[in-house]
Amino acid sequence: MNPYVVLGIDKDASNKEIIQAAALAMRQRRHDARTIAQAQKKLLDPVSRACQAFIHYFDFEDAKKRLGLELDDILTSYDKTEGGDGFDAPCLSIFDGHHGQ
């Protein structure tokens, strides 16, 4: 649940605006009372509000793209094999062949 969307407010809203938005949301019955109360509580607590701002306003798109590229690099570093699952991890090649002989 994004408390900013539930209450229909901006991330820079003051505590007074949060309380007013919660009251308005209750009157308009946009969400159930429990959801509105939870949203208000999350945004009135400074630590919880900082967490919510990070979760809902941080742009993760660049991180997703970089992670996707890194995963592609990792996957292409594996050699295709004839059997098994189709991949042979180079770091596990010590287990191939004759063991201890």
PDB file of N, CA and C in Angstrom:
ATOM      1  N   MET A   1       0.839  -1.175   0.000  1.00  0.00           N
ATOM      2  CA  MET A   1       0.000   0.000   0.000  1.00  0.00           C
ATOM      3  C   MET A   1       0.886   1.241   0.000  1.00  0.00           C
ATOM      4  N   ASN A   2       0.590   2.145  -0.898  1.00  0.00           N
ATOM      5  CA  ASN A   2       1.278   3.424  -0.952  1.00  0.00           C
ATOM      6  C   ASN A   2       0.437   4.434  -0.170  1.00  0.00           C
ATOM      7  N   PRO A   3       0.909   4.847   1.015  1.00  0.00           N
ATOM      8  CA  PRO A   3       0.091   5.746   1.835  1.00  0.00           C
ATOM      9  C   PRO A   3      -0.138   7.102   1.184  1.00  0.00           C
ATOM     10  N   TYR A   4       0.770   7.506   0.322  1.00  0.00           N
ATOM     11  CA  TYR A   4       0.595   8.784  -0.368  1.00  0.00           C
ATOM     12  C   TYR A   4      -0.585   8.720  -1.335  1.00  0.00           C
ATOM     13  N   VAL A   5      -0.744   7.592  -1.996  1.00  0.00           N
ATOM     14  CA  VAL A   5      -1.868   7.411  -2.927  1.00  0.00           C
ATOM     15  C   VAL A   5      -3.167   7.255  -2.150  1.00  0.00           C
ATOM     16  N   VAL A   6      -3.130   6.488  -1.068  1.00  0.00           N
ATOM     17  CA  VAL A   6      -4.340   6.277  -0.257  1.00  0.00           C
ATOM     18  C   VAL A   6      -4.894   7.611   0.221  1.00  0.00           C
ATOM     19  N   LEU A   7      -4.002   8.483   0.683  1.00  0.00           N
ATOM     20  CA  LEU A   7      -4.453   9.777   1.199  1.00  0.00           C
ATOM     21  C   LEU A   7      -4.524  10.860   0.129  1.00  0.00           C
ATOM     22  N   GLY A   8      -3.996  10.579  -1.052  1.00  0.00           N
ATOM     23  CA  GLY A   8      -4.042  11.553  -2.144  1.00  0.00           C
ATOM     24  C   GLY A   8      -3.209  12.789  -1.870  1.00  0.00           C
ATOM     25  N   ILE A   9      -2.004  12.588  -1.313  1.00  0.00           N
ATOM     26  CA  ILE A   9      -1.149  13.725  -0.978  1.00  0.00           C
ATOM     27  C   ILE A   9       0.227  13.582  -1.616  1.00  0.00           C
ATOM     28  N   ASP A  10       0.949  14.673  -1.615  1.00  0.00           N
ATOM     29  CA  ASP A  10       2.315  14.724  -2.129  1.00  0.00           C
ATOM     30  C   ASP A  10       3.286  14.299  -1.034  1.00  0.00           C
ATOM     31  N   LYS A  11       4.476  13.902  -1.411  1.00  0.00           N
ATOM     32  CA  LYS A  11       5.457  13.448  -0.414  1.00  0.00           C
ATOM     33  C   LYS A  11       5.918  14.572   0.518  1.00  0.00           C
ATOM     34  N   ASP A  12       5.698  15.800   0.134  1.00  0.00           N
ATOM     35  CA  ASP A  12       6.113  16.936   0.962  1.00  0.00           C
ATOM     36  C   ASP A  12       4.994  17.479   1.840  1.00  0.00           C
ATOM     37  N   ALA A  13       3.913  16.747   1.980  1.00  0.00           N
ATOM     38  CA  ALA A  13       2.771  17.213   2.770  1.00  0.00           C
ATOM     39  C   ALA A  13       3.148  17.333   4.251  1.00  0.00           C
ATOM     40  N   SER A  14       2.590  18.337   4.891  1.00  0.00           N
ATOM     41  CA  SER A  14       2.836  18.544   6.323  1.00  0.00           C
ATOM     42  C   SER A  14       1.967  17.585   7.134  1.00  0.00           C
ATOM     43  N   ASN A  15       2.238  17.492   8.429  1.00  0.00           N
ATOM     44  CA  ASN A  15       1.421  16.643   9.298  1.00  0.00           C
ATOM     45  C   ASN A  15      -0.042  17.096   9.292  1.00  0.00           C
ATOM     46  N   LYS A  16      -0.246  18.396   9.266  1.00  0.00           N
ATOM     47  CA  LYS A  16      -1.606  18.939   9.225  1.00  0.00           C
ATOM     48  C   LYS A  16      -2.314  18.488   7.947  1.00  0.00           C
ATOM     49  N   GLU A  17      -1.601  18.532   6.824  1.00  0.00           N
ATOM     50  CA  GLU A  17      -2.190  18.103   5.551  1.00  0.00           C
ATOM     51  C   GLU A  17      -2.478  16.599   5.547  1.00  0.00           C
ATOM     52  N   ILE A  18      -1.639  15.820   6.209  1.00  0.00           N
ATOM     53  CA  ILE A  18      -1.857  14.372   6.309  1.00  0.00           C
ATOM     54  C   ILE A  18      -3.143  14.090   7.078  1.00  0.00           C
ATOM     55  N   ILE A  19      -3.314  14.776   8.203  1.00  0.00           N
ATOM     56  CA  ILE A  19      -4.513  14.593   9.031  1.00  0.00           C
ATOM     57  C   ILE A  19      -5.762  15.026   8.264  1.00  0.00           C
ATOM     58  N   GLN A  20      -5.673  16.161   7.572  1.00  0.00           N
ATOM     59  CA  GLN A  20      -6.815  16.646   6.785  1.00  0.00           C
ATOM     60  C   GLN A  20      -7.142  15.679   5.642  1.00  0.00           C
ATOM     61  N   ALA A  21      -6.105  15.140   4.996  1.00  0.00           N
ATOM     62  CA  ALA A  21      -6.320  14.199   3.891  1.00  0.00           C
ATOM     63  C   ALA A  21      -6.956  12.911   4.396  1.00  0.00           C
ATOM     64  N   ALA A  22      -6.552  12.462   5.584  1.00  0.00           N
ATOM     65  CA  ALA A  22      -7.150  11.255   6.170  1.00  0.00           C
ATOM     66  C   ALA A  22      -8.627  11.487   6.468  1.00  0.00           C
ATOM     67  N   ALA A  23      -8.954  12.639   7.014  1.00  0.00           N
ATOM     68  CA  ALA A  23     -10.353  12.957   7.307  1.00  0.00           C
ATOM     69  C   ALA A  23     -11.175  13.027   6.022  1.00  0.00           C
ATOM     70  N   LEU A  24     -10.614  13.636   4.994  1.00  0.00           N
ATOM     71  CA  LEU A  24     -11.303  13.733   3.708  1.00  0.00           C
ATOM     72  C   LEU A  24     -11.492  12.348   3.080  1.00  0.00           C
ATOM     73  N   ALA A  25     -10.465  11.520   3.162  1.00  0.00           N
ATOM     74  CA  ALA A  25     -10.562  10.161   2.612  1.00  0.00           C
ATOM     75  C   ALA A  25     -11.631   9.352   3.343  1.00  0.00           C
ATOM     76  N   MET A  26     -11.750   9.562   4.656  1.00  0.00           N
ATOM     77  CA  MET A  26     -12.788   8.868   5.435  1.00  0.00           C
ATOM     78  C   MET A  26     -14.181   9.310   4.981  1.00  0.00           C
ATOM     79  N   ARG A  27     -14.331  10.610   4.791  1.00  0.00           N
ATOM     80  CA  ARG A  27     -15.629  11.122   4.360  1.00  0.00           C
ATOM     81  C   ARG A  27     -15.990  10.650   2.957  1.00  0.00           C
ATOM     82  N   GLN A  28     -15.006  10.601   2.085  1.00  0.00           N
ATOM     83  CA  GLN A  28     -15.251  10.197   0.697  1.00  0.00           C
ATOM     84  C   GLN A  28     -15.285   8.679   0.520  1.00  0.00           C
ATOM     85  N   ARG A  29     -14.881   7.954   1.540  1.00  0.00           N
ATOM     86  CA  ARG A  29     -14.869   6.484   1.519  1.00  0.00           C
ATOM     87  C   ARG A  29     -14.129   5.920   0.307  1.00  0.00           C
ATOM     88  N   ARG A  30     -12.972   6.534   0.012  1.00  0.00           N
ATOM     89  CA  ARG A  30     -12.153   6.045  -1.107  1.00  0.00           C
ATOM     90  C   ARG A  30     -11.518   4.702  -0.766  1.00  0.00           C
ATOM     91  N   HIS A  31     -11.218   4.497   0.498  1.00  0.00           N
ATOM     92  CA  HIS A  31     -10.624   3.248   0.998  1.00  0.00           C
ATOM     93  C   HIS A  31     -11.313   2.916   2.317  1.00  0.00           C
ATOM     94  N   ASP A  32     -11.094   1.687   2.789  1.00  0.00           N
ATOM     95  CA  ASP A  32     -11.693   1.339   4.069  1.00  0.00           C
ATOM     96  C   ASP A  32     -10.971   2.088   5.196  1.00  0.00           C
ATOM     97  N   ALA A  33     -11.626   2.224   6.331  1.00  0.00           N
ATOM     98  CA  ALA A  33     -11.106   3.016   7.447  1.00  0.00           C
ATOM     99  C   ALA A  33      -9.758   2.497   7.945  1.00  0.00           C
ATOM    100  N   ARG A  34      -9.588   1.202   7.960  1.00  0.00           N
ATOM    101  CA  ARG A  34      -8.326   0.624   8.448  1.00  0.00           C
ATOM    102  C   ARG A  34      -7.152   1.031   7.540  1.00  0.00           C
ATOM    103  N   THR A  35      -7.355   0.967   6.238  1.00  0.00           N
ATOM    104  CA  THR A  35      -6.308   1.330   5.292  1.00  0.00           C
ATOM    105  C   THR A  35      -5.941   2.801   5.444  1.00  0.00           C
ATOM    106  N   ILE A  36      -6.935   3.647   5.594  1.00  0.00           N
ATOM    107  CA  ILE A  36      -6.696   5.084   5.763  1.00  0.00           C
ATOM    108  C   ILE A  36      -5.941   5.343   7.065  1.00  0.00           C
ATOM    109  N   ALA A  37      -6.348   4.679   8.131  1.00  0.00           N
ATOM    110  CA  ALA A  37      -5.674   4.855   9.424  1.00  0.00           C
ATOM    111  C   ALA A  37      -4.226   4.383   9.359  1.00  0.00           C
ATOM    112  N   GLN A  38      -3.974   3.261   8.686  1.00  0.00           N
ATOM    113  CA  GLN A  38      -2.606   2.769   8.547  1.00  0.00           C
ATOM    114  C   GLN A  38      -1.753   3.737   7.738  1.00  0.00           C
ATOM    115  N   ALA A  39      -2.326   4.289   6.672  1.00  0.00           N
ATOM    116  CA  ALA A  39      -1.597   5.252   5.848  1.00  0.00           C
ATOM    117  C   ALA A  39      -1.243   6.494   6.664  1.00  0.00           C
ATOM    118  N   GLN A  40      -2.202   6.976   7.429  1.00  0.00           N
ATOM    119  CA  GLN A  40      -1.968   8.155   8.263  1.00  0.00           C
ATOM    120  C   GLN A  40      -0.885   7.863   9.297  1.00  0.00           C
ATOM    121  N   LYS A  41      -0.956   6.725   9.936  1.00  0.00           N
ATOM    122  CA  LYS A  41       0.021   6.359  10.962  1.00  0.00           C
ATOM    123  C   LYS A  41       1.421   6.266  10.378  1.00  0.00           C
ATOM    124  N   LYS A  42       1.544   5.653   9.196  1.00  0.00           N
ATOM    125  CA  LYS A  42       2.855   5.520   8.550  1.00  0.00           C
ATOM    126  C   LYS A  42       3.465   6.873   8.219  1.00  0.00           C
ATOM    127  N   LEU A  43       2.632   7.816   7.847  1.00  0.00           N
ATOM    128  CA  LEU A  43       3.159   9.115   7.436  1.00  0.00           C
ATOM    129  C   LEU A  43       3.349  10.092   8.595  1.00  0.00           C
ATOM    130  N   LEU A  44       2.700   9.862   9.715  1.00  0.00           N
ATOM    131  CA  LEU A  44       2.896  10.751  10.864  1.00  0.00           C
ATOM    132  C   LEU A  44       4.136  10.372  11.676  1.00  0.00           C
ATOM    133  N   ASP A  45       4.578   9.121  11.581  1.00  0.00           N
ATOM    134  CA  ASP A  45       5.795   8.686  12.259  1.00  0.00           C
ATOM    135  C   ASP A  45       6.993   9.052  11.368  1.00  0.00           C
ATOM    136  N   PRO A  46       7.941   9.854  11.871  1.00  0.00           N
ATOM    137  CA  PRO A  46       9.057  10.333  11.028  1.00  0.00           C
ATOM    138  C   PRO A  46       9.907   9.212  10.410  1.00  0.00           C
ATOM    139  N   VAL A  47      10.193   8.178  11.171  1.00  0.00           N
ATOM    140  CA  VAL A  47      11.023   7.088  10.645  1.00  0.00           C
ATOM    141  C   VAL A  47      10.259   6.318   9.568  1.00  0.00           C
ATOM    142  N   SER A  48       9.024   5.979   9.872  1.00  0.00           N
ATOM    143  CA  SER A  48       8.205   5.259   8.906  1.00  0.00           C
ATOM    144  C   SER A  48       7.988   6.100   7.650  1.00  0.00           C
ATOM    145  N   ARG A  49       7.815   7.389   7.829  1.00  0.00           N
ATOM    146  CA  ARG A  49       7.601   8.274   6.678  1.00  0.00           C
ATOM    147  C   ARG A  49       8.835   8.315   5.785  1.00  0.00           C
ATOM    148  N   ALA A  50      10.013   8.345   6.378  1.00  0.00           N
ATOM    149  CA  ALA A  50      11.243   8.334   5.590  1.00  0.00           C
ATOM    150  C   ALA A  50      11.341   7.041   4.782  1.00  0.00           C
ATOM    151  N   CYS A  51      10.976   5.940   5.398  1.00  0.00           N
ATOM    152  CA  CYS A  51      10.990   4.649   4.697  1.00  0.00           C
ATOM    153  C   CYS A  51       9.990   4.651   3.548  1.00  0.00           C
ATOM    154  N   GLN A  52       8.799   5.158   3.793  1.00  0.00           N
ATOM    155  CA  GLN A  52       7.770   5.200   2.754  1.00  0.00           C
ATOM    156  C   GLN A  52       8.189   6.104   1.602  1.00  0.00           C
ATOM    157  N   ALA A  53       8.795   7.231   1.921  1.00  0.00           N
ATOM    158  CA  ALA A  53       9.271   8.138   0.870  1.00  0.00           C
ATOM    159  C   ALA A  53      10.328   7.455   0.021  1.00  0.00           C
ATOM    160  N   PHE A  54      11.223   6.716   0.662  1.00  0.00           N
ATOM    161  CA  PHE A  54      12.262   6.004  -0.076  1.00  0.00           C
ATOM    162  C   PHE A  54      11.638   4.933  -0.964  1.00  0.00           C
ATOM    163  N   ILE A  55      10.728   4.156  -0.419  1.00  0.00           N
ATOM    164  CA  ILE A  55      10.122   3.046  -1.165  1.00  0.00           C
ATOM    165  C   ILE A  55       9.300   3.548  -2.352  1.00  0.00           C
ATOM    166  N   HIS A  56       8.524   4.598  -2.140  1.00  0.00           N
ATOM    167  CA  HIS A  56       7.568   5.017  -3.156  1.00  0.00           C
ATOM    168  C   HIS A  56       8.043   6.147  -4.055  1.00  0.00           C
ATOM    169  N   TYR A  57       9.152   6.800  -3.717  1.00  0.00           N
ATOM    170  CA  TYR A  57       9.595   7.906  -4.559  1.00  0.00           C
ATOM    171  C   TYR A  57      11.004   7.738  -5.095  1.00  0.00           C
ATOM    172  N   PHE A  58      11.709   6.691  -4.706  1.00  0.00           N
ATOM    173  CA  PHE A  58      13.043   6.441  -5.236  1.00  0.00           C
ATOM    174  C   PHE A  58      12.891   5.819  -6.616  1.00  0.00           C
ATOM    175  N   ASP A  59      13.668   6.296  -7.570  1.00  0.00           N
ATOM    176  CA  ASP A  59      13.598   5.787  -8.939  1.00  0.00           C
ATOM    177  C   ASP A  59      14.466   4.541  -9.062  1.00  0.00           C
ATOM    178  N   PHE A  60      13.831   3.384  -9.098  1.00  0.00           N
ATOM    179  CA  PHE A  60      14.547   2.113  -9.176  1.00  0.00           C
ATOM    180  C   PHE A  60      14.835   1.685 -10.612  1.00  0.00           C
ATOM    181  N   GLU A  61      14.381   2.429 -11.602  1.00  0.00           N
ATOM    182  CA  GLU A  61      14.534   2.006 -12.994  1.00  0.00           C
ATOM    183  C   GLU A  61      16.001   1.857 -13.391  1.00  0.00           C
ATOM    184  N   ASP A  62      16.833   2.805 -13.019  1.00  0.00           N
ATOM    185  CA  ASP A  62      18.255   2.713 -13.357  1.00  0.00           C
ATOM    186  C   ASP A  62      18.890   1.502 -12.693  1.00  0.00           C
ATOM    187  N   ALA A  63      18.544   1.269 -11.436  1.00  0.00           N
ATOM    188  CA  ALA A  63      19.080   0.105 -10.725  1.00  0.00           C
ATOM    189  C   ALA A  63      18.608  -1.192 -11.371  1.00  0.00           C
ATOM    190  N   LYS A  64      17.347  -1.241 -11.797  1.00  0.00           N
ATOM    191  CA  LYS A  64      16.828  -2.439 -12.464  1.00  0.00           C
ATOM    192  C   LYS A  64      17.580  -2.704 -13.759  1.00  0.00           C
ATOM    193  N   LYS A  65      17.839  -1.650 -14.526  1.00  0.00           N
ATOM    194  CA  LYS A  65      18.554  -1.807 -15.791  1.00  0.00           C
ATOM    195  C   LYS A  65      19.966  -2.324 -15.548  1.00  0.00           C
ATOM    196  N   ARG A  66      20.668  -1.725 -14.570  1.00  0.00           N
ATOM    197  CA  ARG A  66      22.029  -2.168 -14.267  1.00  0.00           C
ATOM    198  C   ARG A  66      22.045  -3.598 -13.773  1.00  0.00           C
ATOM    199  N   LEU A  67      21.096  -3.968 -12.931  1.00  0.00           N
ATOM    200  CA  LEU A  67      21.021  -5.329 -12.425  1.00  0.00           C
ATOM    201  C   LEU A  67      20.755  -6.299 -13.564  1.00  0.00           C
ATOM    202  N   GLY A  68      19.864  -5.922 -14.471  1.00  0.00           N
ATOM    203  CA  GLY A  68      19.565  -6.766 -15.624  1.00  0.00           C
ATOM    204  C   GLY A  68      20.797  -6.988 -16.481  1.00  0.00           C
ATOM    205  N   LEU A  69      21.579  -5.933 -16.687  1.00  0.00           N
ATOM    206  CA  LEU A  69      22.806  -6.064 -17.472  1.00  0.00           C
ATOM    207  C   LEU A  69      23.806  -6.963 -16.771  1.00  0.00           C
ATOM    208  N   GLU A  70      23.938  -6.811 -15.469  1.00  0.00           N
ATOM    209  CA  GLU A  70      24.869  -7.645 -14.717  1.00  0.00           C
ATOM    210  C   GLU A  70      24.438  -9.110 -14.770  1.00  0.00           C
ATOM    211  N   LEU A  71      23.143  -9.370 -14.656  1.00  0.00           N
ATOM    212  CA  LEU A  71      22.658 -10.748 -14.739  1.00  0.00           C
ATOM    213  C   LEU A  71      22.911 -11.334 -16.122  1.00  0.00           C
ATOM    214  N   ASP A  72      22.724 -10.509 -17.168  1.00  0.00           N
ATOM    215  CA  ASP A  72      23.002 -10.981 -18.524  1.00  0.00           C
ATOM    216  C   ASP A  72      24.473 -11.344 -18.678  1.00  0.00           C
ATOM    217  N   ASP A  73      25.362 -10.517 -18.114  1.00  0.00           N
ATOM    218  CA  ASP A  73      26.796 -10.810 -18.181  1.00  0.00           C
ATOM    219  C   ASP A  73      27.120 -12.115 -17.473  1.00  0.00           C
ATOM    220  N   ILE A  74      26.515 -12.331 -16.328  1.00  0.00           N
ATOM    221  CA  ILE A  74      26.763 -13.560 -15.565  1.00  0.00           C
ATOM    222  C   ILE A  74      26.275 -14.771 -16.346  1.00  0.00           C
ATOM    223  N   LEU A  75      25.070 -14.661 -16.883  1.00  0.00           N
ATOM    224  CA  LEU A  75      24.504 -15.799 -17.609  1.00  0.00           C
ATOM    225  C   LEU A  75      25.284 -16.116 -18.876  1.00  0.00           C
ATOM    226  N   THR A  76      25.780 -15.105 -19.574  1.00  0.00           N
ATOM    227  CA  THR A  76      26.539 -15.374 -20.793  1.00  0.00           C
ATOM    228  C   THR A  76      27.938 -15.884 -20.485  1.00  0.00           C
ATOM    229  N   SER A  77      28.391 -15.743 -19.249  1.00  0.00           N
ATOM    230  CA  SER A  77      29.718 -16.256 -18.908  1.00  0.00           C
ATOM    231  C   SER A  77      29.715 -17.764 -18.717  1.00  0.00           C
ATOM    232  N   TYR A  78      28.537 -18.356 -18.567  1.00  0.00           N
ATOM    233  CA  TYR A  78      28.445 -19.807 -18.438  1.00  0.00           C
ATOM    234  C   TYR A  78      28.540 -20.444 -19.824  1.00  0.00           C
ATOM    235  N   ASP A  79      29.191 -21.578 -19.910  1.00  0.00           N
ATOM    236  CA  ASP A  79      29.319 -22.306 -21.175  1.00  0.00           C
ATOM    237  C   ASP A  79      28.123 -23.219 -21.355  1.00  0.00           C
ATOM    238  N   LYS A  80      27.613 -23.268 -22.553  1.00  0.00           N
ATOM    239  CA  LYS A  80      26.532 -24.211 -22.864  1.00  0.00           C
ATOM    240  C   LYS A  80      27.102 -25.620 -22.853  1.00  0.00           C
ATOM    241  N   THR A  81      26.339 -26.571 -22.342  1.00  0.00           N
ATOM    242  CA  THR A  81      26.770 -27.967 -22.330  1.00  0.00           C
ATOM    243  C   THR A  81      25.717 -28.825 -23.013  1.00  0.00           C
ATOM    244  N   GLU A  82      26.069 -30.028 -23.312  1.00  0.00           N
ATOM    245  CA  GLU A  82      25.166 -30.958 -23.992  1.00  0.00           C
ATOM    246  C   GLU A  82      24.102 -31.515 -23.052  1.00  0.00           C
ATOM    247  N   GLY A  83      24.448 -31.754 -21.800  1.00  0.00           N
ATOM    248  CA  GLY A  83      23.500 -32.388 -20.884  1.00  0.00           C
ATOM    249  C   GLY A  83      23.158 -31.486 -19.724  1.00  0.00           C
ATOM    250  N   GLY A  84      22.474 -32.050 -18.788  1.00  0.00           N
ATOM    251  CA  GLY A  84      22.130 -31.315 -17.571  1.00  0.00           C
ATOM    252  C   GLY A  84      21.139 -30.205 -17.830  1.00  0.00           C
ATOM    253  N   ASP A  85      21.361 -29.086 -17.144  1.00  0.00           N
ATOM    254  CA  ASP A  85      20.430 -27.973 -17.250  1.00  0.00           C
ATOM    255  C   ASP A  85      20.795 -26.999 -18.355  1.00  0.00           C
ATOM    256  N   GLY A  86      21.856 -27.276 -19.092  1.00  0.00           N
ATOM    257  CA  GLY A  86      22.234 -26.409 -20.200  1.00  0.00           C
ATOM    258  C   GLY A  86      23.330 -25.433 -19.860  1.00  0.00           C
ATOM    259  N   PHE A  87      23.745 -25.384 -18.621  1.00  0.00           N
ATOM    260  CA  PHE A  87      24.794 -24.457 -18.226  1.00  0.00           C
ATOM    261  C   PHE A  87      25.848 -25.174 -17.400  1.00  0.00           C
ATOM    262  N   ASP A  88      27.077 -24.745 -17.556  1.00  0.00           N
ATOM    263  CA  ASP A  88      28.172 -25.292 -16.770  1.00  0.00           C
ATOM    264  C   ASP A  88      28.876 -24.111 -16.119  1.00  0.00           C
ATOM    265  N   ALA A  89      28.751 -23.970 -14.824  1.00  0.00           N
ATOM    266  CA  ALA A  89      29.391 -22.872 -14.116  1.00  0.00           C
ATOM    267  C   ALA A  89      30.890 -23.112 -14.072  1.00  0.00           C
ATOM    268  N   PRO A  90      31.710 -22.188 -14.588  1.00  0.00           N
ATOM    269  CA  PRO A  90      33.149 -22.382 -14.603  1.00  0.00           C
ATOM    270  C   PRO A  90      33.732 -22.627 -13.214  1.00  0.00           C
ATOM    271  N   CYS A  91      33.171 -22.013 -12.191  1.00  0.00           N
ATOM    272  CA  CYS A  91      33.710 -22.162 -10.845  1.00  0.00           C
ATOM    273  C   CYS A  91      33.475 -23.566 -10.291  1.00  0.00           C
ATOM    274  N   LEU A  92      32.584 -24.320 -10.902  1.00  0.00           N
ATOM    275  CA  LEU A  92      32.300 -25.669 -10.432  1.00  0.00           C
ATOM    276  C   LEU A  92      32.986 -26.729 -11.287  1.00  0.00           C
ATOM    277  N   SER A  93      33.852 -26.325 -12.201  1.00  0.00           N
ATOM    278  CA  SER A  93      34.500 -27.287 -13.087  1.00  0.00           C
ATOM    279  C   SER A  93      35.430 -28.225 -12.334  1.00  0.00           C
ATOM    280  N   ILE A  94      35.805 -27.917 -11.102  1.00  0.00           N
ATOM    281  CA  ILE A  94      36.665 -28.805 -10.325  1.00  0.00           C
ATOM    282  C   ILE A  94      35.964 -30.107 -10.005  1.00  0.00           C
ATOM    283  N   PHE A  95      34.630 -30.107 -10.112  1.00  0.00           N
ATOM    284  CA  PHE A  95      33.880 -31.324  -9.819  1.00  0.00           C
ATOM    285  C   PHE A  95      33.707 -32.217 -11.039  1.00  0.00           C
ATOM    286  N   ASP A  96      34.122 -31.751 -12.195  1.00  0.00           N
ATOM    287  CA  ASP A  96      34.013 -32.553 -13.411  1.00  0.00           C
ATOM    288  C   ASP A  96      35.124 -33.579 -13.480  1.00  0.00           C
ATOM    289  N   GLY A  97      34.899 -34.673 -14.177  1.00  0.00           N
ATOM    290  CA  GLY A  97      35.953 -35.668 -14.417  1.00  0.00           C
ATOM    291  C   GLY A  97      36.132 -36.615 -13.255  1.00  0.00           C
ATOM    292  N   HIS A  98      37.370 -37.084 -13.104  1.00  0.00           N
ATOM    293  CA  HIS A  98      37.689 -38.086 -12.088  1.00  0.00           C
ATOM    294  C   HIS A  98      38.042 -37.377 -10.786  1.00  0.00           C
ATOM    295  N   HIS A  99      37.418 -37.807  -9.726  1.00  0.00           N
ATOM    296  CA  HIS A  99      37.626 -37.177  -8.421  1.00  0.00           C
ATOM    297  C   HIS A  99      38.679 -37.950  -7.642  1.00  0.00           C
ATOM    298  N   GLY A 100      39.767 -37.311  -7.240  1.00  0.00           N
ATOM    299  CA  GLY A 100      40.781 -37.900  -6.404  1.00  0.00           C
ATOM    300  C   GLY A 100      41.575 -39.008  -7.046  1.00  0.00           C
ATOM    301  N   GLN A 101      41.519 -39.115  -8.370  1.00  0.00           N
ATOM    302  CA  GLN A 101      42.270 -40.192  -9.038  1.00  0.00           C
ATOM    303  C   GLN A 101      43.416 -39.637  -9.825  1.00  0.00           C
TER     304      GLN A 101
END
